[in-house]
């Protein structure tokens, strides 16, 4: 069930993009802006190892490194 192709199948089957299903009635009820529900935006990435190197902003990677270092987990983002 946790294979990337199975997760992507669930995204497609349930119409969930970017982690949220479009629910206009819910949004209206609670005064929330529309959730993203775009066919080209996926919740999961490609599943390729190291994808964070080109997908994440350098500031995000620096922050993740600092958090990992503080927890004694240095070297995990190489």
Protein backbone atom coordinates (compact mmCIF):
# COMPACT_ATOMS: atom_id res chain seq x y z
CA UNK A 1 0.00 0.00 0.00
CA UNK A 2 2.91 2.38 0.57
CA UNK A 3 4.46 1.93 -2.87
CA UNK A 4 4.59 5.23 -4.72
CA UNK A 5 2.48 3.95 -7.61
CA UNK A 6 -0.26 2.86 -5.15
CA UNK A 7 -0.22 6.23 -3.39
CA UNK A 8 -0.53 8.01 -6.73
CA UNK A 9 -3.45 5.73 -7.64
CA UNK A 10 -5.21 6.81 -4.42
CA UNK A 11 -4.59 10.47 -5.28
CA UNK A 12 -6.19 9.97 -8.68
CA UNK A 13 -9.06 7.79 -7.46
CA UNK A 14 -10.08 10.21 -4.70
CA UNK A 15 -9.37 13.42 -6.60
CA UNK A 16 -6.97 14.60 -3.93
CA UNK A 17 -4.36 17.04 -5.08
CA UNK A 18 -1.85 18.84 -2.91
CA UNK A 19 -3.21 16.85 0.03
CA UNK A 20 -6.69 18.34 -0.01
CA UNK A 21 -9.94 17.40 -1.63
CA UNK A 22 -11.91 20.35 -3.00
CA UNK A 23 -14.88 20.97 -0.73
CA UNK A 24 -16.51 24.30 -1.52
CA UNK A 25 -19.37 23.84 0.99
CA UNK A 26 -16.92 23.23 3.84
CA UNK A 27 -14.84 26.21 2.84
CA UNK A 28 -17.89 28.47 2.70
CA UNK A 29 -19.16 27.26 6.07
CA UNK A 30 -15.88 28.10 7.79
CA UNK A 31 -14.92 31.14 5.70
CA UNK A 32 -11.84 29.42 4.30
CA UNK A 33 -10.21 30.15 0.96
CA UNK A 34 -10.45 27.50 -1.74
CA UNK A 35 -8.19 24.49 -1.39
CA UNK A 36 -5.87 23.63 -4.22
CA UNK A 37 -7.37 21.04 -6.50
CA UNK A 38 -5.32 21.20 -9.66
CA UNK A 39 -4.69 18.20 -11.88
CA UNK A 40 -1.07 19.23 -12.37
CA UNK A 41 -0.30 19.57 -8.64
CA UNK A 42 0.40 16.29 -6.87
CA UNK A 43 0.64 15.62 -3.16
CA UNK A 44 3.43 13.13 -3.76
CA UNK A 45 6.60 13.91 -5.62
CA UNK A 46 8.26 11.68 -8.18
CA UNK A 47 9.67 9.26 -5.62
CA UNK A 48 13.18 9.70 -7.00
CA UNK A 49 15.93 9.64 -4.41
CA UNK A 50 17.49 13.05 -3.80
CA UNK A 51 14.62 14.99 -5.35
CA UNK A 52 14.78 17.43 -2.43
CA UNK A 53 17.96 18.84 -3.95
CA UNK A 54 16.07 20.51 -6.81
CA UNK A 55 12.57 20.77 -5.33
CA UNK A 56 13.24 22.49 -2.00
CA UNK A 57 14.49 26.03 -1.53
CA UNK A 58 18.04 26.31 -0.12
CA UNK A 59 16.62 28.05 2.98
CA UNK A 60 14.33 25.08 3.63
CA UNK A 61 17.24 22.64 3.34
CA UNK A 62 19.38 24.80 5.65
CA UNK A 63 16.59 24.85 8.24
CA UNK A 64 16.12 21.07 7.98
CA UNK A 65 19.88 20.57 8.44
CA UNK A 66 19.87 22.79 11.53
CA UNK A 67 16.97 20.82 13.05
CA UNK A 68 18.63 17.47 12.30
CA UNK A 69 21.96 18.70 13.67
CA UNK A 70 20.28 19.86 16.89
CA UNK A 71 18.86 16.35 17.30
CA UNK A 72 22.23 14.68 16.74
CA UNK A 73 21.29 13.48 13.26
CA UNK A 74 23.98 15.30 11.27
CA UNK A 75 24.75 14.12 7.78
CA UNK A 76 21.31 12.82 6.80
CA UNK A 77 20.86 15.46 4.06
CA UNK A 78 23.87 14.81 1.88
